[in-house]
Protein backbone atom coordinates (compact mmCIF):
# COMPACT_ATOMS: atom_id res chain seq x y z
CA MET A 1 5.92 54.59 -49.44
CA VAL A 2 7.85 54.50 -47.25
CA ALA A 3 10.34 54.72 -49.77
CA THR A 4 10.39 57.83 -50.75
CA GLY A 5 10.70 59.52 -47.96
CA ALA A 6 6.81 59.21 -46.34
CA THR A 7 5.44 59.76 -43.59
CA ASN A 8 2.78 58.00 -41.38
CA ARG A 9 1.07 60.69 -41.05
CA GLU A 10 1.42 60.46 -45.41
CA VAL A 11 0.87 56.95 -45.76
CA ALA A 12 -1.78 56.64 -43.44
CA GLU A 13 -4.10 59.78 -45.59
CA ARG A 14 -3.03 57.14 -49.12
CA LEU A 15 -4.29 54.29 -48.07
CA VAL A 16 -7.63 55.68 -45.94
CA ILE A 17 -6.20 54.63 -42.91
CA SER A 18 -5.10 56.07 -39.42
CA GLU A 19 -1.57 56.43 -38.67
CA GLY A 20 -1.67 53.94 -35.18
CA THR A 21 -2.21 51.64 -38.18
CA VAL A 22 0.55 52.62 -40.07
CA LYS A 23 2.86 52.36 -37.01
CA ASN A 24 1.56 48.90 -36.53
CA HIS A 25 2.23 47.90 -39.68
CA LEU A 26 5.56 48.97 -39.40
CA ALA A 27 6.27 48.05 -36.01
CA ASN A 28 5.23 44.27 -37.01
CA LEU A 29 7.99 44.49 -39.81
CA PHE A 30 10.67 45.82 -38.28
CA SER A 31 9.95 42.97 -35.53
CA ARG A 32 9.43 40.14 -38.12
CA LEU A 33 12.09 41.21 -39.80
CA GLY A 34 14.57 41.78 -36.92
CA LEU A 35 14.74 46.10 -38.69
CA ARG A 36 15.30 48.84 -36.27
CA ASP A 37 14.08 51.24 -38.05
CA ARG A 38 12.64 52.88 -41.79
CA THR A 39 16.46 52.80 -42.82
CA GLN A 40 16.79 49.36 -42.11
CA ALA A 41 13.29 48.79 -43.67
CA VAL A 42 14.21 50.41 -47.30
CA LEU A 43 17.43 49.47 -47.43
CA TYR A 44 16.68 45.43 -46.95
CA ALA A 45 13.93 45.66 -49.58
CA ARG A 46 16.76 46.88 -52.03
CA GLU A 47 18.85 43.78 -51.53
CA HIS A 48 15.93 41.61 -51.44
CA GLU A 49 14.60 43.39 -54.70
CA LEU A 50 11.35 44.18 -53.33
CA LEU A 51 11.95 48.14 -54.95
């Protein structure tokens, strides 16, 4: 959903979780992969054929 440009709120609504939970998951992902932001996460996913 991040790769499609969905906001944290849109992701939260679609997954029926809180916006804070989405933010926490993304922050953990960025930290573990050494990424700065959503753009880098999408590029990482494309480079590793995860999309």
